[in-house]
Amino acid sequence: MDGETFRREAHKLVDWMADYLDGVEAYPVRAQVQPGDVAAKLPAQPPAAGTAMADIFADFERDILPGMTHWQHPSFFAYFPANSSPPSVLASLPG
């Protein structure tokens, strides 16, 4: 991947991440698949040749994203990750 392609794809990824954080409440809090479903969709071997970033990202959205628990979701209360969300700040206060 040349520098210009890297820059273009990195910008697309950062834009997706910003949109994700801005709209995380639209996702279900917990994974929507059964244990093993994501692994079953992954190939047994890595590809022999490079894959287009659009294809890689499509695989991510189709196969990986449904198996994620969205820790940044406003209704996720299982853990308080060390980040800047208001609940995590309150949870880290000494008590």
Protein backbone atom coordinates (compact mmCIF):
# COMPACT_ATOMS: atom_id res chain seq x y z
CA MET A 1 0.00 0.00 0.00
CA ASP A 2 1.47 3.32 -1.00
CA GLY A 3 1.36 6.41 1.19
CA GLU A 4 -1.54 8.07 -0.61
CA THR A 5 -3.70 4.94 -0.40
CA PHE A 6 -2.82 4.58 3.27
CA ARG A 7 -3.79 8.20 3.92
CA ARG A 8 -7.11 7.85 2.07
CA GLU A 9 -8.05 4.59 3.80
CA ALA A 10 -6.96 5.91 7.21
CA HIS A 11 -9.21 8.94 6.78
CA LYS A 12 -12.14 6.68 5.89
CA LEU A 13 -11.48 4.59 9.00
CA VAL A 14 -11.24 7.61 11.31
CA ASP A 15 -14.46 9.00 9.83
CA TRP A 16 -16.17 5.66 10.50
CA MET A 17 -14.86 5.64 14.09
CA ALA A 18 -16.11 9.19 14.73
CA ASP A 19 -19.53 8.31 13.28
CA TYR A 20 -19.58 5.16 15.40
CA LEU A 21 -18.92 7.08 18.60
CA ASP A 22 -21.46 9.75 17.66
CA GLY A 23 -24.13 7.12 17.04
CA VAL A 24 -23.15 4.18 19.25
CA GLU A 25 -26.57 4.23 20.90
CA ALA A 26 -28.05 2.97 17.61
CA TYR A 27 -26.19 -0.34 18.03
CA PRO A 28 -27.42 -3.13 20.29
CA VAL A 29 -25.46 -3.13 23.55
CA ARG A 30 -24.51 -6.79 23.42
CA ALA A 31 -23.30 -9.05 20.64
CA GLN A 32 -26.07 -10.36 18.41
CA VAL A 33 -24.45 -13.70 17.61
CA GLN A 34 -23.81 -16.94 19.43
CA PRO A 35 -20.36 -17.91 20.76
CA GLY A 36 -18.28 -19.23 17.88
CA ASP A 37 -20.31 -17.54 15.13
CA VAL A 38 -17.66 -14.91 14.35
CA ALA A 39 -14.82 -17.44 14.36
CA ALA A 40 -16.82 -19.69 12.03
CA LYS A 41 -16.97 -16.87 9.46
CA LEU A 42 -13.21 -16.34 9.42
CA PRO A 43 -11.17 -18.23 6.84
CA ALA A 44 -8.98 -21.05 8.11
CA GLN A 45 -5.96 -19.56 6.33
CA PRO A 46 -4.94 -15.98 5.57
CA PRO A 47 -5.39 -14.86 1.98
CA ALA A 48 -2.55 -15.69 -0.38
CA ALA A 49 -2.75 -12.23 -1.94
CA GLY A 50 -3.63 -8.77 -0.71
CA THR A 51 -7.26 -7.81 -0.27
CA ALA A 52 -8.80 -4.46 -1.11
CA MET A 53 -9.51 -2.29 1.92
CA ALA A 54 -13.16 -1.95 0.86
CA ASP A 55 -13.48 -5.75 1.03
CA ILE A 56 -11.72 -5.93 4.40
CA PHE A 57 -14.00 -3.29 5.83
CA ALA A 58 -17.10 -4.96 4.39
CA ASP A 59 -16.00 -8.19 6.11
CA PHE A 60 -15.58 -6.27 9.37
CA GLU A 61 -19.05 -4.73 9.19
CA ARG A 62 -20.73 -7.98 8.11
CA ASP A 63 -18.85 -10.56 10.21
CA ILE A 64 -17.17 -8.83 13.17
CA LEU A 65 -19.39 -5.91 14.16
CA PRO A 66 -22.45 -8.07 15.01
CA GLY A 67 -20.26 -9.98 17.50
CA MET A 68 -19.16 -6.90 19.41
CA THR A 69 -20.35 -5.68 22.77
CA HIS A 70 -20.42 -1.90 22.57
CA TRP A 71 -18.73 -0.68 25.74
CA GLN A 72 -19.33 2.95 24.78
CA HIS A 73 -23.09 2.45 24.51
CA PRO A 74 -24.97 4.59 27.04
CA SER A 75 -26.77 1.48 28.31
CA PHE A 76 -23.64 -0.60 28.88
CA PHE A 77 -23.18 -0.96 32.64
CA ALA A 78 -21.09 -4.12 33.02
CA TYR A 79 -17.72 -2.41 33.33
CA PHE A 80 -16.47 1.12 33.66
CA PRO A 81 -13.64 1.37 31.12
CA ALA A 82 -10.92 3.93 31.65
CA ASN A 83 -12.05 6.58 29.23
CA SER A 84 -13.80 9.91 29.23
CA SER A 85 -17.41 8.78 29.56
CA PRO A 86 -19.15 10.36 32.56
CA PRO A 87 -19.97 7.00 34.22
CA SER A 88 -16.33 5.89 34.02
CA VAL A 89 -15.16 9.15 35.60
CA LEU A 90 -17.59 8.69 38.49
CA ALA A 91 -16.66 5.04 38.92
CA SER A 92 -12.97 5.87 39.23
CA LEU A 93 -13.49 8.35 42.07
CA PRO A 94 -12.13 7.07 45.38
CA GLY A 95 -14.93 6.02 47.63
